[in-house]
Amino acid sequence: MEFDLPRAAALLVLIVAVGAAGLIGSGVMPLRITLMMVVPSMLVFGALAFAIGVKHGQFRATHA
């Protein structure tokens, strides 16, 4: 399976949605806090990890 940008972004959103649904369903924290603080931070962290992973893959591909 090849990953292009739309497919990778959709997977990131899916993973965040599953995590948010788990937090909301478990009732660990109020819904407002989950949607206003946790979900945006999950998206930002996922995007940063994705960008670092892409750069590392490019480095490995050119220096191998």
N, C-alpha and C. Protein backbone atom coordinates (compact mmCIF):
# COMPACT_ATOMS: atom_id res chain seq x y z
N MET A 1 0.84 -1.17 0.00
CA MET A 1 0.00 0.00 0.00
C MET A 1 0.89 1.24 0.00
N GLU A 2 0.67 2.10 -0.96
CA GLU A 2 1.42 3.35 -1.01
C GLU A 2 0.68 4.42 -0.25
N PHE A 3 1.44 5.23 0.48
CA PHE A 3 0.84 6.31 1.26
C PHE A 3 1.14 7.63 0.57
N ASP A 4 0.09 8.31 0.15
CA ASP A 4 0.23 9.66 -0.34
C ASP A 4 -0.32 10.59 0.74
N LEU A 5 -0.23 11.88 0.53
CA LEU A 5 -0.61 12.83 1.57
C LEU A 5 -2.07 12.72 2.00
N PRO A 6 -3.04 12.64 1.08
CA PRO A 6 -4.44 12.53 1.54
C PRO A 6 -4.71 11.25 2.33
N ARG A 7 -4.13 10.14 1.91
CA ARG A 7 -4.34 8.88 2.61
C ARG A 7 -3.69 8.92 4.00
N ALA A 8 -2.50 9.48 4.09
CA ALA A 8 -1.82 9.57 5.39
C ALA A 8 -2.57 10.53 6.32
N ALA A 9 -3.07 11.64 5.80
CA ALA A 9 -3.84 12.58 6.63
C ALA A 9 -5.13 11.94 7.11
N ALA A 10 -5.77 11.16 6.25
CA ALA A 10 -7.00 10.47 6.66
C ALA A 10 -6.72 9.45 7.77
N LEU A 11 -5.60 8.75 7.68
CA LEU A 11 -5.24 7.81 8.74
C LEU A 11 -4.95 8.53 10.06
N LEU A 12 -4.30 9.69 9.98
CA LEU A 12 -4.03 10.47 11.18
C LEU A 12 -5.34 10.91 11.83
N VAL A 13 -6.27 11.42 11.03
CA VAL A 13 -7.56 11.85 11.56
C VAL A 13 -8.33 10.67 12.14
N LEU A 14 -8.25 9.51 11.49
CA LEU A 14 -8.93 8.32 11.99
C LEU A 14 -8.37 7.88 13.35
N ILE A 15 -7.06 7.89 13.49
CA ILE A 15 -6.44 7.50 14.76
C ILE A 15 -6.84 8.47 15.86
N VAL A 16 -6.84 9.77 15.57
CA VAL A 16 -7.23 10.77 16.57
C VAL A 16 -8.71 10.60 16.92
N ALA A 17 -9.54 10.32 15.93
CA ALA A 17 -10.98 10.13 16.19
C ALA A 17 -11.22 8.91 17.08
N VAL A 18 -10.50 7.84 16.84
CA VAL A 18 -10.66 6.64 17.68
C VAL A 18 -10.20 6.94 19.11
N GLY A 19 -9.10 7.64 19.25
CA GLY A 19 -8.63 8.01 20.59
C GLY A 19 -9.59 8.94 21.31
N ALA A 20 -10.11 9.91 20.59
CA ALA A 20 -11.08 10.83 21.20
C ALA A 20 -12.36 10.10 21.57
N ALA A 21 -12.82 9.20 20.71
CA ALA A 21 -14.03 8.44 21.03
C ALA A 21 -13.83 7.57 22.26
N GLY A 22 -12.64 7.02 22.41
CA GLY A 22 -12.34 6.23 23.60
C GLY A 22 -12.36 7.07 24.85
N LEU A 23 -11.78 8.26 24.79
CA LEU A 23 -11.78 9.14 25.96
C LEU A 23 -13.19 9.62 26.29
N ILE A 24 -13.96 9.96 25.26
CA ILE A 24 -15.32 10.43 25.49
C ILE A 24 -16.18 9.30 26.03
N GLY A 25 -16.04 8.12 25.46
CA GLY A 25 -16.83 6.98 25.89
C GLY A 25 -16.52 6.50 27.29
N SER A 26 -15.27 6.63 27.70
CA SER A 26 -14.90 6.16 29.03
C SER A 26 -15.29 7.13 30.13
N GLY A 27 -15.52 8.39 29.78
CA GLY A 27 -15.91 9.38 30.78
C GLY A 27 -14.80 9.76 31.74
N VAL A 28 -13.56 9.63 31.29
CA VAL A 28 -12.41 9.96 32.13
C VAL A 28 -12.34 11.45 32.42
N MET A 29 -12.68 12.26 31.43
CA MET A 29 -12.65 13.71 31.60
C MET A 29 -13.87 14.31 30.92
N PRO A 30 -14.21 15.52 31.27
CA PRO A 30 -15.40 16.15 30.66
C PRO A 30 -15.25 16.31 29.14
N LEU A 31 -16.37 16.29 28.46
CA LEU A 31 -16.39 16.39 27.01
C LEU A 31 -15.75 17.69 26.53
N ARG A 32 -16.02 18.78 27.21
CA ARG A 32 -15.48 20.09 26.81
C ARG A 32 -13.95 20.08 26.82
N ILE A 33 -13.37 19.52 27.86
CA ILE A 33 -11.90 19.47 27.95
C ILE A 33 -11.33 18.57 26.87
N THR A 34 -12.00 17.45 26.63
CA THR A 34 -11.52 16.53 25.60
C THR A 34 -11.51 17.20 24.23
N LEU A 35 -12.57 17.88 23.89
CA LEU A 35 -12.67 18.47 22.55
C LEU A 35 -11.86 19.75 22.40
N MET A 36 -11.67 20.49 23.46
CA MET A 36 -10.97 21.78 23.35
C MET A 36 -9.47 21.67 23.61
N MET A 37 -9.04 20.67 24.36
CA MET A 37 -7.63 20.59 24.71
C MET A 37 -6.95 19.33 24.20
N VAL A 38 -7.58 18.20 24.37
CA VAL A 38 -6.92 16.93 24.07
C VAL A 38 -6.88 16.67 22.57
N VAL A 39 -8.00 16.81 21.88
CA VAL A 39 -8.04 16.52 20.44
C VAL A 39 -7.11 17.43 19.65
N PRO A 40 -7.11 18.76 19.87
CA PRO A 40 -6.14 19.58 19.12
C PRO A 40 -4.69 19.21 19.40
N SER A 41 -4.38 18.88 20.65
CA SER A 41 -2.99 18.51 20.95
C SER A 41 -2.64 17.18 20.31
N MET A 42 -3.58 16.26 20.21
CA MET A 42 -3.33 14.99 19.52
C MET A 42 -3.07 15.24 18.03
N LEU A 43 -3.82 16.14 17.42
CA LEU A 43 -3.62 16.46 16.01
C LEU A 43 -2.27 17.12 15.76
N VAL A 44 -1.89 18.06 16.62
CA VAL A 44 -0.61 18.74 16.46
C VAL A 44 0.54 17.76 16.64
N PHE A 45 0.47 16.93 17.68
CA PHE A 45 1.53 15.95 17.89
C PHE A 45 1.61 14.97 16.72
N GLY A 46 0.48 14.52 16.23
CA GLY A 46 0.47 13.60 15.10
C GLY A 46 1.08 14.23 13.86
N ALA A 47 0.75 15.48 13.60
CA ALA A 47 1.31 16.18 12.44
C ALA A 47 2.82 16.37 12.57
N LEU A 48 3.28 16.72 13.77
CA LEU A 48 4.72 16.88 13.98
C LEU A 48 5.46 15.54 13.85
N ALA A 49 4.91 14.49 14.43
CA ALA A 49 5.53 13.17 14.32
C ALA A 49 5.55 12.71 12.87
N PHE A 50 4.49 12.99 12.12
CA PHE A 50 4.44 12.65 10.71
C PHE A 50 5.51 13.39 9.92
N ALA A 51 5.64 14.69 10.16
CA ALA A 51 6.64 15.49 9.44
C ALA A 51 8.06 15.02 9.76
N ILE A 52 8.33 14.73 11.03
CA ILE A 52 9.66 14.24 11.41
C ILE A 52 9.91 12.87 10.77
N GLY A 53 8.90 12.03 10.74
CA GLY A 53 9.04 10.72 10.12
C GLY A 53 9.31 10.80 8.63
N VAL A 54 8.65 11.73 7.95
CA VAL A 54 8.90 11.92 6.52
C VAL A 54 10.32 12.39 6.29
N LYS A 55 10.77 13.36 7.07
CA LYS A 55 12.14 13.86 6.91
C LYS A 55 13.16 12.77 7.21
N HIS A 56 12.91 11.95 8.21
CA HIS A 56 13.83 10.86 8.54
C HIS A 56 13.83 9.82 7.40
N GLY A 57 12.68 9.54 6.83
CA GLY A 57 12.63 8.62 5.71
C GLY A 57 13.37 9.14 4.50
N GLN A 58 13.26 10.44 4.25
CA GLN A 58 14.00 11.03 3.14
C GLN A 58 15.50 10.95 3.39
N PHE A 59 15.92 11.19 4.63
CA PHE A 59 17.33 11.09 4.98
C PHE A 59 17.85 9.67 4.79
N ARG A 60 17.07 8.69 5.26
CA ARG A 60 17.49 7.29 5.13
C ARG A 60 17.55 6.87 3.67
N ALA A 61 16.63 7.37 2.86
CA ALA A 61 16.60 6.98 1.46
C ALA A 61 17.76 7.56 0.68
N THR A 62 18.23 8.74 1.06
CA THR A 62 19.32 9.38 0.31
C THR A 62 20.69 9.01 0.83
N HIS A 63 20.79 8.56 2.08
CA HIS A 63 22.10 8.26 2.68
C HIS A 63 22.32 6.77 2.92
N ALA A 64 21.53 5.94 2.31
CA ALA A 64 21.68 4.49 2.55
C ALA A 64 22.62 3.86 1.57
